[in-house]
């Protein structure tokens, strides 16, 4: 399990956008939320997860605040 322990807002880096059909799934349980991404085009999620991150509720709140900042900005 890759439990997210710290979120750092990086202001020095830039994003290298890669277009494609990347698939993601989300699993929500009472104490945890999990986000998994798969290779572009792997719509059946057969080739394994590229990233697997679990959030507790506190880290999910931190992520929500960053998402709000992004959406409202």
N, C-alpha and C. Protein backbone atom coordinates (compact mmCIF):
# COMPACT_ATOMS: atom_id res chain seq x y z
N UNK A 1 0.84 -1.18 0.00
CA UNK A 1 0.00 0.00 0.00
C UNK A 1 0.89 1.24 0.00
N UNK A 2 0.57 2.20 -0.82
CA UNK A 2 1.32 3.45 -0.91
C UNK A 2 0.51 4.57 -0.26
N UNK A 3 0.49 4.58 1.07
CA UNK A 3 -0.29 5.59 1.79
C UNK A 3 0.41 6.94 1.66
N UNK A 4 -0.33 7.92 1.20
CA UNK A 4 0.21 9.26 1.03
C UNK A 4 0.49 9.87 2.39
N UNK A 5 1.74 10.22 2.64
CA UNK A 5 2.13 10.76 3.93
C UNK A 5 2.30 12.26 3.95
N UNK A 6 2.56 12.86 2.78
CA UNK A 6 2.82 14.30 2.74
C UNK A 6 2.52 14.82 1.34
N UNK A 7 1.90 15.98 1.28
CA UNK A 7 1.65 16.65 0.01
C UNK A 7 2.48 17.93 -0.01
N UNK A 8 3.31 18.08 -1.03
CA UNK A 8 4.15 19.26 -1.17
C UNK A 8 3.71 19.99 -2.44
N UNK A 9 3.33 21.24 -2.30
CA UNK A 9 2.97 22.04 -3.47
C UNK A 9 4.25 22.58 -4.09
N UNK A 10 4.59 22.09 -5.25
CA UNK A 10 5.81 22.48 -5.95
C UNK A 10 5.52 23.68 -6.83
N UNK A 11 6.24 24.75 -6.63
CA UNK A 11 6.02 25.97 -7.42
C UNK A 11 7.15 26.19 -8.43
N UNK A 12 8.15 25.32 -8.45
CA UNK A 12 9.30 25.49 -9.33
C UNK A 12 9.20 24.68 -10.61
N UNK A 13 8.41 23.63 -10.60
CA UNK A 13 8.33 22.72 -11.75
C UNK A 13 7.23 23.12 -12.71
N UNK A 14 7.33 22.59 -13.93
CA UNK A 14 6.27 22.76 -14.90
C UNK A 14 5.74 21.38 -15.28
N UNK A 15 4.57 21.34 -15.87
CA UNK A 15 3.93 20.08 -16.21
C UNK A 15 4.15 19.78 -17.68
N UNK A 16 4.62 18.57 -17.96
CA UNK A 16 4.79 18.10 -19.32
C UNK A 16 3.54 17.29 -19.67
N UNK A 17 2.60 17.91 -20.36
CA UNK A 17 1.32 17.28 -20.65
C UNK A 17 1.49 16.27 -21.78
N UNK A 18 0.97 15.06 -21.53
CA UNK A 18 0.97 14.01 -22.54
C UNK A 18 -0.48 13.64 -22.82
N UNK A 19 -0.90 13.87 -24.04
CA UNK A 19 -2.27 13.55 -24.42
C UNK A 19 -2.44 12.05 -24.54
N UNK A 20 -3.60 11.55 -24.19
CA UNK A 20 -3.87 10.13 -24.33
C UNK A 20 -5.04 9.71 -23.47
N UNK A 21 -5.45 8.49 -23.65
CA UNK A 21 -6.59 7.95 -22.95
C UNK A 21 -6.12 7.15 -21.73
N UNK A 22 -5.64 7.87 -20.71
CA UNK A 22 -5.20 7.23 -19.48
C UNK A 22 -6.44 6.90 -18.65
N UNK A 23 -6.48 5.69 -18.13
CA UNK A 23 -7.61 5.21 -17.35
C UNK A 23 -7.29 5.33 -15.87
N UNK A 24 -8.30 5.67 -15.09
CA UNK A 24 -8.14 5.79 -13.64
C UNK A 24 -9.33 5.11 -12.97
N UNK A 25 -9.06 4.47 -11.85
CA UNK A 25 -10.19 4.02 -11.04
C UNK A 25 -10.01 4.53 -9.61
N UNK A 26 -11.13 4.67 -8.93
CA UNK A 26 -11.16 5.17 -7.56
C UNK A 26 -11.95 4.18 -6.71
N UNK A 27 -11.39 3.85 -5.54
CA UNK A 27 -12.07 2.98 -4.58
C UNK A 27 -12.24 3.80 -3.30
N UNK A 28 -13.46 3.87 -2.79
CA UNK A 28 -13.73 4.63 -1.57
C UNK A 28 -14.26 3.68 -0.51
N UNK A 29 -13.57 3.66 0.63
CA UNK A 29 -13.98 2.88 1.79
C UNK A 29 -14.19 3.85 2.95
N UNK A 30 -14.69 3.40 4.09
CA UNK A 30 -14.95 4.33 5.19
C UNK A 30 -13.74 5.13 5.67
N UNK A 31 -12.54 4.54 5.68
CA UNK A 31 -11.36 5.24 6.20
C UNK A 31 -10.33 5.59 5.14
N UNK A 32 -10.46 5.05 3.94
CA UNK A 32 -9.45 5.23 2.91
C UNK A 32 -10.09 5.50 1.55
N UNK A 33 -9.33 6.22 0.73
CA UNK A 33 -9.68 6.40 -0.67
C UNK A 33 -8.45 6.02 -1.47
N UNK A 34 -8.64 5.25 -2.53
CA UNK A 34 -7.52 4.81 -3.36
C UNK A 34 -7.72 5.29 -4.79
N UNK A 35 -6.64 5.77 -5.38
CA UNK A 35 -6.63 6.23 -6.76
C UNK A 35 -5.57 5.42 -7.50
N UNK A 36 -5.96 4.79 -8.60
CA UNK A 36 -5.03 4.02 -9.43
C UNK A 36 -5.13 4.50 -10.87
N UNK A 37 -3.97 4.67 -11.51
CA UNK A 37 -3.95 5.01 -12.93
C UNK A 37 -3.31 3.86 -13.70
N UNK A 38 -3.71 3.75 -14.94
CA UNK A 38 -3.25 2.67 -15.82
C UNK A 38 -2.67 3.27 -17.09
N UNK A 39 -1.99 2.44 -17.85
CA UNK A 39 -1.37 2.90 -19.10
C UNK A 39 -2.43 3.40 -20.07
N UNK A 40 -2.04 4.34 -20.90
CA UNK A 40 -2.94 4.86 -21.92
C UNK A 40 -3.49 3.72 -22.76
N UNK A 41 -4.80 3.72 -22.95
CA UNK A 41 -5.45 2.71 -23.77
C UNK A 41 -5.80 1.42 -23.04
N UNK A 42 -5.38 1.26 -21.80
CA UNK A 42 -5.66 0.04 -21.04
C UNK A 42 -7.03 0.16 -20.38
N UNK A 43 -8.07 0.30 -21.19
CA UNK A 43 -9.40 0.56 -20.67
C UNK A 43 -9.96 -0.61 -19.85
N UNK A 44 -9.44 -1.80 -20.05
CA UNK A 44 -9.88 -2.96 -19.27
C UNK A 44 -9.03 -3.18 -18.02
N UNK A 45 -8.04 -2.31 -17.81
CA UNK A 45 -7.15 -2.35 -16.64
C UNK A 45 -6.51 -3.73 -16.48
N UNK A 46 -5.98 -4.24 -17.56
CA UNK A 46 -5.39 -5.59 -17.58
C UNK A 46 -3.87 -5.58 -17.45
N UNK A 47 -3.23 -4.45 -17.68
CA UNK A 47 -1.76 -4.42 -17.71
C UNK A 47 -1.15 -3.94 -16.41
N UNK A 48 -1.93 -3.82 -15.37
CA UNK A 48 -1.39 -3.41 -14.07
C UNK A 48 -1.41 -1.92 -13.86
N UNK A 49 -1.44 -1.54 -12.60
CA UNK A 49 -1.50 -0.14 -12.22
C UNK A 49 -0.15 0.52 -12.35
N UNK A 50 -0.14 1.74 -12.90
CA UNK A 50 1.08 2.53 -12.99
C UNK A 50 1.34 3.26 -11.68
N UNK A 51 0.31 3.78 -11.08
CA UNK A 51 0.40 4.47 -9.79
C UNK A 51 -0.74 4.00 -8.91
N UNK A 52 -0.47 3.86 -7.65
CA UNK A 52 -1.46 3.38 -6.70
C UNK A 52 -1.27 4.18 -5.42
N UNK A 53 -2.18 5.10 -5.13
CA UNK A 53 -2.02 5.99 -3.99
C UNK A 53 -3.26 5.90 -3.10
N UNK A 54 -3.04 5.74 -1.80
CA UNK A 54 -4.14 5.73 -0.84
C UNK A 54 -4.09 7.00 0.00
N UNK A 55 -5.27 7.56 0.24
CA UNK A 55 -5.42 8.76 1.04
C UNK A 55 -6.22 8.43 2.29
N UNK A 56 -5.77 8.94 3.45
CA UNK A 56 -6.67 8.93 4.59
C UNK A 56 -7.52 10.21 4.47
N UNK A 57 -8.43 10.41 5.39
CA UNK A 57 -9.34 11.56 5.25
C UNK A 57 -8.62 12.90 5.35
N UNK A 58 -7.59 12.99 6.19
CA UNK A 58 -6.85 14.25 6.31
C UNK A 58 -6.13 14.59 5.01
N UNK A 59 -5.47 13.62 4.40
CA UNK A 59 -4.78 13.88 3.13
C UNK A 59 -5.77 14.16 2.01
N UNK A 60 -6.92 13.52 2.05
CA UNK A 60 -7.96 13.80 1.05
C UNK A 60 -8.44 15.24 1.18
N UNK A 61 -8.55 15.75 2.41
CA UNK A 61 -8.94 17.15 2.62
C UNK A 61 -7.88 18.10 2.08
N UNK A 62 -6.60 17.76 2.31
CA UNK A 62 -5.52 18.58 1.77
C UNK A 62 -5.57 18.59 0.24
N UNK A 63 -5.79 17.43 -0.35
CA UNK A 63 -5.89 17.35 -1.81
C UNK A 63 -7.10 18.14 -2.30
N UNK A 64 -8.22 18.05 -1.60
CA UNK A 64 -9.41 18.81 -1.99
C UNK A 64 -9.12 20.31 -1.99
N UNK A 65 -8.39 20.79 -0.98
CA UNK A 65 -8.05 22.22 -0.93
C UNK A 65 -7.21 22.62 -2.14
N UNK A 66 -6.25 21.77 -2.51
CA UNK A 66 -5.43 22.06 -3.69
C UNK A 66 -6.25 22.01 -4.97
N UNK A 67 -7.17 21.06 -5.05
CA UNK A 67 -8.05 20.97 -6.23
C UNK A 67 -8.94 22.21 -6.32
N UNK A 68 -9.47 22.67 -5.17
CA UNK A 68 -10.28 23.90 -5.17
C UNK A 68 -9.46 25.09 -5.65
N UNK A 69 -8.21 25.17 -5.20
CA UNK A 69 -7.34 26.26 -5.63
C UNK A 69 -7.12 26.20 -7.14
N UNK A 70 -6.91 25.00 -7.67
CA UNK A 70 -6.72 24.82 -9.11
C UNK A 70 -7.98 25.19 -9.89
N UNK A 71 -9.12 24.70 -9.43
CA UNK A 71 -10.38 24.92 -10.15
C UNK A 71 -10.78 26.39 -10.11
N UNK A 72 -10.59 27.03 -8.97
CA UNK A 72 -11.01 28.43 -8.81
C UNK A 72 -10.00 29.43 -9.34
N UNK A 73 -8.79 28.95 -9.64
CA UNK A 73 -7.70 29.85 -10.01
C UNK A 73 -7.67 30.29 -11.40
